[in-house]
Each structure stands twice: as C-alpha cells, then as structure tokens.
C-alpha cells in the first residue's frame, strides 16, 4: 500500500489560518516560540489558536536553543503534543520534557556521513526534519537544498526548506518522505497564510500521492 504523505503547516500565527489548514486536511500545525522569527507567537496567542482546533490535528511547538524555562512555560499553558527543536540542542536536552520530539537538522553544509551520524545520536526522536539552513541556524529561509544528499536514514524523514505549490510534488516523488513541512511557501506575507496557496499545496500533495 502506498504511503500517504503527512503535512505540517508551520509558522501559524492566527486561528483562522489554523482552522483553514485543518479543514484542508493537514496533519499538524507548527507554532514558533522564537522571538527573532517574524512568525513568533506569544503563549496566550498560541493557547487561543489551539483551543479552536478540532480533534486529530497535532500541535507542534518549535524552539531554537530555548531556555528550559520557556519550554516548560509553554507546556504548562499550551496543549502541545510534539516538540520541534531547531537549534544545537543535544539529545539529553530534547528528552528532558517528557514529550515526543522532532529534531531539525540543517542541511546547508552537512554531508551524508554527517547526517547519518547525527541521526543515530537522536535515537529517541520521532522524526528528523531536514531543512536547507546551516546546522544550528534558524529555518524559514524559503530555499531548497540538494535532495540527492539525503541518504537512507533510520528515522522518518520530514522534508522542509523551500517547498511550494510548484515543487512539492517533485519533492515527494524524489524523496518519498514520511511528511513535509511548509511555511513561507503558503504565505500571503510572513506569518499570514494564504488559503488559496494552502489549498493548492494540499492538492499537489494529494496528486503526488495518487
């Protein structure tokens, strides 16, 4: 049976965007807790978004080298199901919060051997998110990386980095990822999602899977 590609739309800042994404069948939404990002959300804002979501849409909180106190505060006030660590967090840090987690790895200057080695380090990660930025840097660059540089890994691959309506079908057919993660590729402007782009993106994923 052919695998269905899961979809996460990241950088959600408005409840209406989250609800539109849910209605289109996305599997997860991403909330960014990194104050240097234009998609950063405050804790109360994130909690309000999550309260309006229907069942079976996973909520993911993204952090980049955050203080433990911030992660813990978010977990107290926001119903987060999965953590996503985007910086230089080591496995011990990622495991500290008693939540399933995804580790993002920047592919900017990472070769196949380095990626395989890192994937083995994060044994408890539920998936590895591969993005186009340099290792340890912030994502959201809107740029792709060389998909041929992805070796066979021992973890589900979540493909990110520069995915758009025009290239997501090709990405799925070439990489066969467990899931894809999109943010800027479905935006009207930074932090504001476009209903038309989200709809077209989901249609391209469905077409690729078919």
N, C-alpha and C. Protein backbone atom coordinates (compact mmCIF):
# COMPACT_ATOMS: atom_id res chain seq x y z
N UNK A 1 0.85 -1.20 0.00
CA UNK A 1 0.00 0.00 0.00
C UNK A 1 0.88 1.25 0.00
N UNK A 2 0.58 2.20 -0.87
CA UNK A 2 1.40 3.40 -0.95
C UNK A 2 1.17 4.29 0.26
N UNK A 3 2.26 4.82 0.78
CA UNK A 3 2.20 5.69 1.96
C UNK A 3 1.58 7.03 1.62
N UNK A 4 0.75 7.54 2.52
CA UNK A 4 0.22 8.90 2.39
C UNK A 4 1.22 9.86 3.02
N UNK A 5 1.55 10.90 2.32
CA UNK A 5 2.49 11.89 2.84
C UNK A 5 1.78 12.81 3.83
N UNK A 6 2.29 12.86 5.04
CA UNK A 6 1.72 13.76 6.04
C UNK A 6 2.16 15.20 5.76
N UNK A 7 1.37 16.15 6.26
CA UNK A 7 1.66 17.57 6.01
C UNK A 7 1.57 18.34 7.32
N UNK A 8 2.61 19.13 7.57
CA UNK A 8 2.60 20.10 8.67
C UNK A 8 2.74 21.49 8.08
N UNK A 9 1.86 22.39 8.47
CA UNK A 9 2.00 23.80 8.09
C UNK A 9 2.51 24.54 9.31
N UNK A 10 3.69 25.12 9.17
CA UNK A 10 4.37 25.74 10.29
C UNK A 10 4.25 27.27 10.23
N UNK A 11 4.56 27.89 11.35
CA UNK A 11 4.52 29.35 11.42
C UNK A 11 3.12 29.92 11.46
N UNK A 12 2.20 29.15 12.03
CA UNK A 12 0.82 29.63 12.17
C UNK A 12 0.78 30.72 13.25
N UNK A 13 0.14 31.83 12.95
CA UNK A 13 0.03 32.93 13.92
C UNK A 13 -1.42 33.35 14.17
N UNK A 14 -2.36 32.79 13.39
CA UNK A 14 -3.77 33.20 13.51
C UNK A 14 -4.67 31.97 13.56
N UNK A 15 -5.70 32.06 14.38
CA UNK A 15 -6.64 30.94 14.50
C UNK A 15 -7.32 30.66 13.17
N UNK A 16 -7.64 31.68 12.40
CA UNK A 16 -8.34 31.44 11.13
C UNK A 16 -7.47 30.66 10.15
N UNK A 17 -6.16 30.88 10.21
CA UNK A 17 -5.27 30.11 9.34
C UNK A 17 -5.19 28.65 9.80
N UNK A 18 -5.14 28.45 11.10
CA UNK A 18 -5.10 27.09 11.65
C UNK A 18 -6.37 26.32 11.30
N UNK A 19 -7.50 26.98 11.40
CA UNK A 19 -8.77 26.32 11.11
C UNK A 19 -8.90 26.02 9.62
N UNK A 20 -8.43 26.94 8.78
CA UNK A 20 -8.46 26.69 7.34
C UNK A 20 -7.57 25.51 6.98
N UNK A 21 -6.39 25.45 7.58
CA UNK A 21 -5.48 24.34 7.33
C UNK A 21 -6.10 23.02 7.79
N UNK A 22 -6.73 23.03 8.95
CA UNK A 22 -7.37 21.82 9.47
C UNK A 22 -8.47 21.35 8.53
N UNK A 23 -9.25 22.29 8.02
CA UNK A 23 -10.34 21.93 7.10
C UNK A 23 -9.82 21.33 5.81
N UNK A 24 -8.60 21.67 5.44
CA UNK A 24 -8.00 21.12 4.22
C UNK A 24 -7.33 19.77 4.44
N UNK A 25 -7.29 19.34 5.71
CA UNK A 25 -6.76 18.01 5.99
C UNK A 25 -5.32 17.93 6.42
N UNK A 26 -4.73 19.05 6.86
CA UNK A 26 -3.35 18.97 7.34
C UNK A 26 -3.29 18.10 8.60
N UNK A 27 -2.15 17.48 8.79
CA UNK A 27 -1.96 16.59 9.94
C UNK A 27 -1.49 17.33 11.18
N UNK A 28 -0.78 18.44 10.97
CA UNK A 28 -0.21 19.17 12.11
C UNK A 28 -0.04 20.64 11.76
N UNK A 29 -0.05 21.45 12.80
CA UNK A 29 0.32 22.87 12.66
C UNK A 29 1.52 23.13 13.55
N UNK A 30 2.34 24.07 13.13
CA UNK A 30 3.52 24.43 13.90
C UNK A 30 3.40 25.83 14.46
N UNK A 31 3.74 25.97 15.75
CA UNK A 31 3.73 27.25 16.43
C UNK A 31 5.15 27.58 16.83
N UNK A 32 5.63 28.76 16.44
CA UNK A 32 7.03 29.13 16.62
C UNK A 32 7.20 29.96 17.89
N UNK A 33 8.04 29.46 18.78
CA UNK A 33 8.37 30.19 20.02
C UNK A 33 9.84 30.60 19.96
N UNK A 34 10.12 31.54 19.08
CA UNK A 34 11.48 32.04 18.86
C UNK A 34 11.35 33.51 18.52
N UNK A 35 11.72 34.37 19.45
CA UNK A 35 11.35 35.78 19.34
C UNK A 35 12.02 36.52 18.18
N UNK A 36 13.02 35.93 17.55
CA UNK A 36 13.65 36.58 16.40
C UNK A 36 12.95 36.23 15.09
N UNK A 37 11.97 35.35 15.16
CA UNK A 37 11.25 34.95 13.96
C UNK A 37 10.05 35.87 13.72
N UNK A 38 9.78 36.22 12.46
CA UNK A 38 8.57 37.00 12.15
C UNK A 38 7.29 36.20 12.39
N UNK A 39 7.43 34.90 12.61
CA UNK A 39 6.28 34.02 12.87
C UNK A 39 6.17 33.65 14.34
N UNK A 40 6.91 34.33 15.19
CA UNK A 40 6.86 34.07 16.63
C UNK A 40 5.46 34.33 17.18
N UNK A 41 5.02 33.46 18.10
CA UNK A 41 3.73 33.66 18.77
C UNK A 41 3.96 33.76 20.27
N UNK A 42 3.13 34.55 20.91
CA UNK A 42 3.14 34.62 22.37
C UNK A 42 2.36 33.43 22.92
N UNK A 43 2.59 33.12 24.17
CA UNK A 43 1.98 31.95 24.78
C UNK A 43 0.45 32.06 24.76
N UNK A 44 -0.10 33.20 25.13
CA UNK A 44 -1.56 33.36 25.14
C UNK A 44 -2.13 33.23 23.73
N UNK A 45 -1.44 33.79 22.77
CA UNK A 45 -1.85 33.71 21.36
C UNK A 45 -1.88 32.25 20.90
N UNK A 46 -0.83 31.49 21.24
CA UNK A 46 -0.76 30.07 20.86
C UNK A 46 -1.87 29.26 21.53
N UNK A 47 -2.11 29.54 22.80
CA UNK A 47 -3.15 28.81 23.52
C UNK A 47 -4.52 29.07 22.90
N UNK A 48 -4.77 30.31 22.48
CA UNK A 48 -6.05 30.65 21.85
C UNK A 48 -6.22 29.92 20.53
N UNK A 49 -5.15 29.80 19.77
CA UNK A 49 -5.21 29.07 18.50
C UNK A 49 -5.53 27.60 18.75
N UNK A 50 -4.82 27.01 19.70
CA UNK A 50 -5.00 25.57 19.97
C UNK A 50 -6.39 25.25 20.48
N UNK A 51 -6.98 26.17 21.25
CA UNK A 51 -8.32 25.92 21.80
C UNK A 51 -9.38 25.78 20.71
N UNK A 52 -9.12 26.35 19.54
CA UNK A 52 -10.10 26.32 18.47
C UNK A 52 -9.91 25.17 17.49
N UNK A 53 -8.82 24.44 17.62
CA UNK A 53 -8.54 23.37 16.68
C UNK A 53 -9.45 22.16 16.91
N UNK A 54 -9.86 21.49 15.86
CA UNK A 54 -10.63 20.25 16.03
C UNK A 54 -9.70 19.11 16.43
N UNK A 55 -10.32 17.98 16.78
CA UNK A 55 -9.55 16.80 17.16
C UNK A 55 -8.73 16.29 15.98
N UNK A 56 -7.64 15.59 16.32
CA UNK A 56 -6.78 14.88 15.35
C UNK A 56 -5.93 15.80 14.49
N UNK A 57 -5.75 17.04 14.92
CA UNK A 57 -4.75 17.91 14.31
C UNK A 57 -3.66 18.11 15.36
N UNK A 58 -2.47 17.62 15.07
CA UNK A 58 -1.38 17.64 16.05
C UNK A 58 -0.80 19.05 16.17
N UNK A 59 -0.56 19.46 17.42
CA UNK A 59 0.05 20.76 17.67
C UNK A 59 1.53 20.57 17.98
N UNK A 60 2.36 21.32 17.24
CA UNK A 60 3.82 21.20 17.36
C UNK A 60 4.38 22.56 17.77
N UNK A 61 5.24 22.56 18.79
CA UNK A 61 5.88 23.80 19.24
C UNK A 61 7.34 23.79 18.81
N UNK A 62 7.76 24.85 18.11
CA UNK A 62 9.12 24.95 17.60
C UNK A 62 9.94 25.87 18.50
N UNK A 63 11.12 25.38 18.89
CA UNK A 63 12.06 26.15 19.70
C UNK A 63 13.44 26.11 19.05
N UNK A 64 14.23 27.15 19.31
CA UNK A 64 15.60 27.18 18.83
C UNK A 64 16.50 27.59 20.00
N UNK A 65 17.22 26.61 20.55
CA UNK A 65 18.15 26.84 21.66
C UNK A 65 17.48 27.65 22.78
N UNK A 66 16.27 27.25 23.12
CA UNK A 66 15.50 27.98 24.13
C UNK A 66 15.93 27.61 25.54
N UNK A 67 15.75 28.54 26.46
CA UNK A 67 15.90 28.22 27.88
C UNK A 67 14.86 27.17 28.26
N UNK A 68 15.25 26.26 29.13
CA UNK A 68 14.31 25.23 29.57
C UNK A 68 13.05 25.85 30.16
N UNK A 69 13.20 26.97 30.84
CA UNK A 69 12.06 27.60 31.48
C UNK A 69 11.00 28.01 30.46
N UNK A 70 11.42 28.45 29.27
CA UNK A 70 10.45 28.82 28.24
C UNK A 70 9.69 27.60 27.76
N UNK A 71 10.41 26.51 27.47
CA UNK A 71 9.73 25.30 27.02
C UNK A 71 8.73 24.83 28.07
N UNK A 72 9.15 24.83 29.31
CA UNK A 72 8.25 24.37 30.38
C UNK A 72 7.04 25.28 30.53
N UNK A 73 7.24 26.58 30.37
CA UNK A 73 6.11 27.52 30.48
C UNK A 73 5.12 27.29 29.35
N UNK A 74 5.62 27.08 28.15
CA UNK A 74 4.73 26.80 27.02
C UNK A 74 3.93 25.53 27.29
N UNK A 75 4.59 24.49 27.79
CA UNK A 75 3.91 23.22 28.03
C UNK A 75 2.85 23.33 29.13
N UNK A 76 3.05 24.23 30.05
CA UNK A 76 2.05 24.44 31.10
C UNK A 76 0.79 25.09 30.55
N UNK A 77 0.96 26.03 29.64
CA UNK A 77 -0.17 26.87 29.21
C UNK A 77 -0.75 26.53 27.84
N UNK A 78 -0.03 25.78 27.03
CA UNK A 78 -0.48 25.49 25.67
C UNK A 78 -0.54 23.97 25.49
N UNK A 79 -1.65 23.44 24.94
CA UNK A 79 -1.77 21.98 24.76
C UNK A 79 -0.93 21.48 23.57
N UNK A 80 0.36 21.40 23.81
CA UNK A 80 1.32 20.99 22.78
C UNK A 80 1.51 19.48 22.85
N UNK A 81 1.50 18.84 21.68
CA UNK A 81 1.65 17.38 21.62
C UNK A 81 3.05 16.94 21.21
N UNK A 82 3.72 17.74 20.38
CA UNK A 82 5.06 17.38 19.89
C UNK A 82 5.94 18.62 19.95
N UNK A 83 7.20 18.41 20.36
CA UNK A 83 8.19 19.48 20.38
C UNK A 83 9.09 19.36 19.15
N UNK A 84 9.50 20.50 18.63
CA UNK A 84 10.43 20.53 17.49
C UNK A 84 11.60 21.42 17.87
N UNK A 85 12.79 20.84 17.86
CA UNK A 85 13.99 21.57 18.26
C UNK A 85 14.83 21.88 17.04
N UNK A 86 15.07 23.17 16.82
CA UNK A 86 15.65 23.63 15.56
C UNK A 86 17.08 24.13 15.69
N UNK A 87 17.65 24.08 16.89
CA UNK A 87 18.98 24.62 17.07
C UNK A 87 20.03 23.55 17.29
N UNK A 88 20.93 23.82 18.25
CA UNK A 88 22.04 22.90 18.55
C UNK A 88 21.72 22.04 19.77
N UNK A 89 20.45 21.84 20.06
CA UNK A 89 20.05 21.08 21.24
C UNK A 89 20.57 19.63 21.15
N UNK A 90 21.18 19.15 22.23
CA UNK A 90 21.67 17.78 22.21
C UNK A 90 20.56 16.81 22.62
N UNK A 91 20.76 15.50 22.43
CA UNK A 91 19.69 14.54 22.74
C UNK A 91 19.20 14.62 24.18
N UNK A 92 20.10 14.83 25.13
CA UNK A 92 19.69 14.90 26.54
C UNK A 92 18.72 16.05 26.77
N UNK A 93 18.98 17.20 26.14
CA UNK A 93 18.07 18.35 26.26
C UNK A 93 16.72 18.00 25.65
N UNK A 94 16.73 17.42 24.48
CA UNK A 94 15.48 17.13 23.77
C UNK A 94 14.60 16.16 24.54
N UNK A 95 15.21 15.27 25.30
CA UNK A 95 14.47 14.25 26.04
C UNK A 95 13.97 14.74 27.40
N UNK A 96 14.33 15.94 27.77
CA UNK A 96 14.12 16.44 29.13
C UNK A 96 12.66 16.76 29.45
N UNK A 97 11.81 16.89 28.44
CA UNK A 97 10.49 17.49 28.66
C UNK A 97 9.35 16.48 28.61
N UNK A 98 9.68 15.20 28.53
CA UNK A 98 8.67 14.13 28.55
C UNK A 98 7.59 14.33 27.49
N UNK A 99 8.02 14.76 26.31
CA UNK A 99 7.13 14.89 25.16
C UNK A 99 7.81 14.27 23.94
N UNK A 100 7.03 13.71 23.02
CA UNK A 100 7.63 13.30 21.75
C UNK A 100 8.28 14.52 21.10
N UNK A 101 9.40 14.29 20.42
CA UNK A 101 10.06 15.43 19.79
C UNK A 101 10.58 15.08 18.40
N UNK A 102 10.70 16.14 17.60
CA UNK A 102 11.32 16.11 16.27
C UNK A 102 12.61 16.91 16.37
N UNK A 103 13.67 16.41 15.76
CA UNK A 103 14.91 17.20 15.70
C UNK A 103 15.12 17.69 14.28
N UNK A 104 15.24 19.00 14.13
CA UNK A 104 15.52 19.60 12.83
C UNK A 104 17.03 19.62 12.61
N UNK A 105 17.44 19.25 11.42
CA UNK A 105 18.86 19.24 11.06
C UNK A 105 19.06 20.09 9.82
N UNK A 106 19.95 21.07 9.92
CA UNK A 106 20.25 21.94 8.80
C UNK A 106 21.17 21.26 7.81
N UNK A 107 20.76 21.23 6.55
CA UNK A 107 21.49 20.51 5.52
C UNK A 107 22.47 21.41 4.75
N UNK A 108 22.60 22.66 5.17
CA UNK A 108 23.40 23.61 4.41
C UNK A 108 24.80 23.13 4.07
N UNK A 109 25.54 22.63 5.06
CA UNK A 109 26.90 22.14 4.81
C UNK A 109 27.09 20.74 5.38
N UNK A 110 26.00 20.01 5.53
CA UNK A 110 26.04 18.68 6.13
C UNK A 110 26.11 17.63 5.01
N UNK A 111 27.10 16.75 5.08
CA UNK A 111 27.18 15.69 4.07
C UNK A 111 26.43 14.45 4.56
N UNK A 112 26.38 13.44 3.72
CA UNK A 112 25.61 12.24 4.05
C UNK A 112 26.14 11.55 5.30
N UNK A 113 27.46 11.47 5.42
CA UNK A 113 28.03 10.81 6.60
C UNK A 113 27.68 11.56 7.88
N UNK A 114 27.76 12.88 7.82
CA UNK A 114 27.41 13.68 9.00
C UNK A 114 25.95 13.53 9.37
N UNK A 115 25.09 13.48 8.37
CA UNK A 115 23.66 13.32 8.63
C UNK A 115 23.36 11.96 9.26
N UNK A 116 23.98 10.91 8.74
CA UNK A 116 23.78 9.57 9.31
C UNK A 116 24.25 9.53 10.75
N UNK A 117 25.39 10.14 11.03
CA UNK A 117 25.92 10.16 12.39
C UNK A 117 24.98 10.89 13.35
N UNK A 118 24.47 12.06 12.92
CA UNK A 118 23.54 12.81 13.75
C UNK A 118 22.24 12.05 13.97
N UNK A 119 21.77 11.39 12.94
CA UNK A 119 20.50 10.65 13.07
C UNK A 119 20.62 9.55 14.11
N UNK A 120 21.79 8.95 14.22
CA UNK A 120 22.00 7.91 15.23
C UNK A 120 22.08 8.49 16.63
N UNK A 121 22.50 9.76 16.74
CA UNK A 121 22.59 10.40 18.05
C UNK A 121 21.22 10.64 18.67
N UNK A 122 20.26 11.00 17.81
CA UNK A 122 18.92 11.33 18.31
C UNK A 122 18.03 10.10 18.22
N UNK A 123 18.39 9.08 18.98
CA UNK A 123 17.69 7.79 18.89
C UNK A 123 16.23 7.90 19.30
N UNK A 124 15.92 8.81 20.22
CA UNK A 124 14.56 8.90 20.73
C UNK A 124 13.67 9.85 19.93
N UNK A 125 14.23 10.52 18.93
CA UNK A 125 13.41 11.44 18.11
C UNK A 125 12.36 10.66 17.34
N UNK A 126 11.17 11.24 17.22
CA UNK A 126 10.10 10.61 16.44
C UNK A 126 10.26 10.85 14.95
N UNK A 127 11.12 11.77 14.59
CA UNK A 127 11.38 12.06 13.19
C UNK A 127 12.50 13.06 13.08
N UNK A 128 13.14 13.13 11.91
CA UNK A 128 14.18 14.10 11.63
C UNK A 128 13.68 15.04 10.54
N UNK A 129 13.66 16.32 10.86
CA UNK A 129 13.22 17.33 9.91
C UNK A 129 14.45 17.89 9.20
N UNK A 130 14.51 17.72 7.90
CA UNK A 130 15.65 18.17 7.11
C UNK A 130 15.32 19.47 6.42
N UNK A 131 16.07 20.52 6.76
CA UNK A 131 15.82 21.86 6.23
C UNK A 131 17.08 22.37 5.53
N UNK A 132 16.96 23.49 4.86
CA UNK A 132 18.03 23.96 3.98
C UNK A 132 19.06 24.85 4.68
N UNK A 133 18.80 25.25 5.90
CA UNK A 133 19.70 26.18 6.57
C UNK A 133 20.99 25.48 7.03
N UNK A 134 21.92 26.27 7.52
CA UNK A 134 23.16 25.72 8.08
C UNK A 134 22.84 25.02 9.40
N UNK A 135 23.62 24.01 9.78
CA UNK A 135 23.38 23.32 11.06
C UNK A 135 23.32 24.30 12.22
N UNK A 136 22.26 24.18 13.03
CA UNK A 136 22.10 25.01 14.21
C UNK A 136 21.50 26.38 13.96
N UNK A 137 21.29 26.75 12.70
CA UNK A 137 20.74 28.07 12.39
C UNK A 137 19.21 27.99 12.30
N UNK A 138 18.59 29.16 12.21
CA UNK A 138 17.14 29.20 12.10
C UNK A 138 16.71 28.78 10.70
N UNK A 139 15.54 28.18 10.61
CA UNK A 139 14.98 27.80 9.31
C UNK A 139 14.17 28.94 8.73
N UNK A 140 13.20 28.57 7.89
CA UNK A 140 12.33 29.58 7.30
C UNK A 140 13.00 30.41 6.22
N UNK A 141 14.04 29.86 5.58
CA UNK A 141 14.75 30.63 4.56
C UNK A 141 14.01 30.66 3.23
N UNK A 142 13.10 29.71 3.02
CA UNK A 142 12.39 29.64 1.75
C UNK A 142 13.23 29.07 0.63
N UNK A 143 14.36 28.44 0.98
CA UNK A 143 15.26 27.88 -0.02
C UNK A 143 15.27 26.36 0.08
N UNK A 144 15.46 25.71 -1.05
CA UNK A 144 15.58 24.25 -1.07
C UNK A 144 17.05 23.86 -0.88
N UNK A 145 17.28 22.56 -0.70
CA UNK A 145 18.63 22.04 -0.69
C UNK A 145 18.67 20.85 -1.66
N UNK A 146 19.84 20.27 -1.83
CA UNK A 146 20.00 19.17 -2.77
C UNK A 146 19.38 17.90 -2.19
N UNK A 147 18.23 17.51 -2.70
CA UNK A 147 17.55 16.33 -2.17
C UNK A 147 18.33 15.05 -2.43
N UNK A 148 19.25 15.08 -3.38
CA UNK A 148 20.08 13.91 -3.64
C UNK A 148 21.06 13.64 -2.49
N UNK A 149 21.19 14.61 -1.59
CA UNK A 149 22.12 14.48 -0.47
C UNK A 149 21.50 13.78 0.73
N UNK A 150 20.27 13.26 0.57
CA UNK A 150 19.59 12.58 1.68
C UNK A 150 19.84 11.09 1.57
N UNK A 151 20.57 10.50 2.52
CA UNK A 151 20.79 9.06 2.49
C UNK A 151 19.62 8.32 3.13
N UNK A 152 19.68 7.01 3.13
CA UNK A 152 18.69 6.21 3.83
C UNK A 152 18.92 6.36 5.33
N UNK A 153 17.91 6.79 6.05
CA UNK A 153 18.04 7.06 7.48
C UNK A 153 17.19 6.08 8.29
N UNK A 154 17.51 6.01 9.58
CA UNK A 154 16.79 5.08 10.46
C UNK A 154 15.62 5.76 11.17
N UNK A 155 15.23 6.92 10.68
CA UNK A 155 14.12 7.68 11.26
C UNK A 155 13.21 8.18 10.15
N UNK A 156 11.93 8.41 10.47
CA UNK A 156 11.05 9.06 9.49
C UNK A 156 11.60 10.43 9.11
N UNK A 157 11.61 10.70 7.81
CA UNK A 157 12.12 11.98 7.31
C UNK A 157 10.97 12.95 7.08
N UNK A 158 11.14 14.14 7.63
CA UNK A 158 10.20 15.24 7.41
C UNK A 158 10.95 16.25 6.56
N UNK A 159 10.50 16.45 5.34
CA UNK A 159 11.22 17.31 4.40
C UNK A 159 10.71 18.74 4.49
N UNK A 160 11.64 19.67 4.62
CA UNK A 160 11.31 21.09 4.69
C UNK A 160 12.28 21.86 3.81
N UNK A 161 12.09 23.17 3.76
CA UNK A 161 13.02 24.02 3.04
C UNK A 161 12.58 24.35 1.62
N UNK A 162 11.95 25.50 1.46
CA UNK A 162 11.64 25.99 0.12
C UNK A 162 10.56 25.24 -0.62
N UNK A 163 9.73 24.50 0.09
CA UNK A 163 8.65 23.77 -0.59
C UNK A 163 7.52 24.72 -0.96
N UNK A 164 7.02 24.56 -2.19
CA UNK A 164 5.95 25.42 -2.71
C UNK A 164 4.99 24.57 -3.53
N UNK A 165 3.95 25.21 -4.01
CA UNK A 165 3.00 24.53 -4.88
C UNK A 165 3.71 23.97 -6.12
N UNK A 166 4.71 24.66 -6.60
CA UNK A 166 5.35 24.27 -7.85
C UNK A 166 6.36 23.14 -7.72
N UNK A 167 6.84 22.86 -6.51
CA UNK A 167 7.87 21.82 -6.39
C UNK A 167 7.55 20.70 -5.41
N UNK A 168 6.44 20.79 -4.68
CA UNK A 168 6.20 19.78 -3.65
C UNK A 168 5.94 18.40 -4.24
N UNK A 169 5.27 18.32 -5.38
CA UNK A 169 5.01 17.01 -5.99
C UNK A 169 6.32 16.35 -6.39
N UNK A 170 7.22 17.13 -6.97
CA UNK A 170 8.53 16.58 -7.34
C UNK A 170 9.29 16.12 -6.10
N UNK A 171 9.21 16.92 -5.04
CA UNK A 171 9.91 16.56 -3.79
C UNK A 171 9.41 15.23 -3.25
N UNK A 172 8.11 15.03 -3.27
CA UNK A 172 7.54 13.78 -2.77
C UNK A 172 7.96 12.61 -3.64
N UNK A 173 7.94 12.79 -4.94
CA UNK A 173 8.27 11.69 -5.85
C UNK A 173 9.74 11.32 -5.78
N UNK A 174 10.59 12.28 -5.46
CA UNK A 174 12.03 12.01 -5.41
C UNK A 174 12.50 11.54 -4.04
N UNK A 175 11.96 12.13 -2.98
CA UNK A 175 12.46 11.84 -1.63
C UNK A 175 11.62 10.78 -0.92
N UNK A 176 10.32 10.71 -1.23
CA UNK A 176 9.39 9.82 -0.53
C UNK A 176 9.46 10.01 0.99
N UNK A 177 9.29 11.25 1.45
CA UNK A 177 9.40 11.50 2.89
C UNK A 177 8.17 11.00 3.63
N UNK A 178 8.32 10.80 4.91
CA UNK A 178 7.18 10.48 5.76
C UNK A 178 6.22 11.67 5.79
N UNK A 179 6.79 12.87 5.85
CA UNK A 179 5.97 14.08 5.94
C UNK A 179 6.71 15.24 5.29
N UNK A 180 5.96 16.28 5.01
CA UNK A 180 6.56 17.52 4.52
C UNK A 180 6.12 18.66 5.43
N UNK A 181 6.98 19.68 5.49
CA UNK A 181 6.75 20.82 6.38
C UNK A 181 6.87 22.08 5.55
N UNK A 182 5.84 22.88 5.54
CA UNK A 182 5.84 24.10 4.73
C UNK A 182 5.47 25.29 5.59
N UNK A 183 6.07 26.43 5.30
CA UNK A 183 5.73 27.67 6.00
C UNK A 183 5.63 28.82 5.00
N UNK A 184 6.77 29.34 4.57
CA UNK A 184 6.75 30.51 3.68
C UNK A 184 6.11 30.20 2.33
N UNK A 185 6.15 28.94 1.92
CA UNK A 185 5.61 28.56 0.61
C UNK A 185 4.10 28.67 0.50
N UNK A 186 3.40 28.87 1.62
CA UNK A 186 1.94 29.02 1.57
C UNK A 186 1.51 30.32 2.26
N UNK A 187 2.38 31.31 2.20
CA UNK A 187 2.07 32.58 2.87
C UNK A 187 1.71 33.70 1.90
N UNK A 188 0.77 34.54 2.34
CA UNK A 188 0.50 35.79 1.65
C UNK A 188 1.56 36.82 2.03
N UNK A 189 1.98 36.79 3.30
CA UNK A 189 3.13 37.54 3.80
C UNK A 189 3.59 36.82 5.06
N UNK A 190 4.74 37.19 5.59
CA UNK A 190 5.33 36.44 6.70
C UNK A 190 4.37 36.33 7.87
N UNK A 191 4.07 35.09 8.24
CA UNK A 191 3.18 34.84 9.37
C UNK A 191 1.71 34.79 9.02
N UNK A 192 1.36 35.17 7.81
CA UNK A 192 -0.04 35.17 7.38
C UNK A 192 -0.18 34.17 6.23
N UNK A 193 -0.96 33.12 6.44
CA UNK A 193 -1.10 32.09 5.42
C UNK A 193 -2.15 32.49 4.38
N UNK A 194 -1.95 31.97 3.19
CA UNK A 194 -2.89 32.18 2.09
C UNK A 194 -3.77 30.95 1.95
N UNK A 195 -5.07 31.12 2.03
CA UNK A 195 -5.99 30.00 1.88
C UNK A 195 -5.83 29.37 0.51
N UNK A 196 -5.68 30.19 -0.51
CA UNK A 196 -5.53 29.66 -1.87
C UNK A 196 -4.25 28.84 -2.02
N UNK A 197 -3.16 29.33 -1.47
CA UNK A 197 -1.89 28.60 -1.57
C UNK A 197 -1.92 27.31 -0.75
N UNK A 198 -2.51 27.37 0.44
CA UNK A 198 -2.62 26.16 1.24
C UNK A 198 -3.45 25.11 0.51
N UNK A 199 -4.55 25.53 -0.08
CA UNK A 199 -5.42 24.60 -0.80
C UNK A 199 -4.69 23.99 -1.99
N UNK A 200 -4.01 24.83 -2.77
CA UNK A 200 -3.27 24.34 -3.93
C UNK A 200 -2.14 23.40 -3.51
N UNK A 201 -1.49 23.72 -2.42
CA UNK A 201 -0.40 22.89 -1.91
C UNK A 201 -0.92 21.50 -1.52
N UNK A 202 -2.02 21.47 -0.78
CA UNK A 202 -2.59 20.19 -0.37
C UNK A 202 -3.04 19.37 -1.58
N UNK A 203 -3.53 20.04 -2.61
CA UNK A 203 -3.94 19.34 -3.82
C UNK A 203 -2.74 18.72 -4.52
N UNK A 204 -1.62 19.43 -4.53
CA UNK A 204 -0.40 18.89 -5.14
C UNK A 204 0.12 17.68 -4.37
N UNK A 205 0.02 17.73 -3.06
CA UNK A 205 0.43 16.56 -2.24
C UNK A 205 -0.45 15.37 -2.56
N UNK A 206 -1.75 15.61 -2.63
CA UNK A 206 -2.68 14.52 -2.95
C UNK A 206 -2.39 13.95 -4.34
N UNK A 207 -2.12 14.83 -5.29
CA UNK A 207 -1.81 14.37 -6.64
C UNK A 207 -0.55 13.51 -6.66
N UNK A 208 0.46 13.94 -5.92
CA UNK A 208 1.73 13.20 -5.86
C UNK A 208 1.52 11.83 -5.23
N UNK A 209 0.74 11.78 -4.19
CA UNK A 209 0.49 10.50 -3.51
C UNK A 209 -0.31 9.55 -4.41
N UNK A 210 -1.19 10.13 -5.21
CA UNK A 210 -2.03 9.32 -6.08
C UNK A 210 -1.21 8.65 -7.19
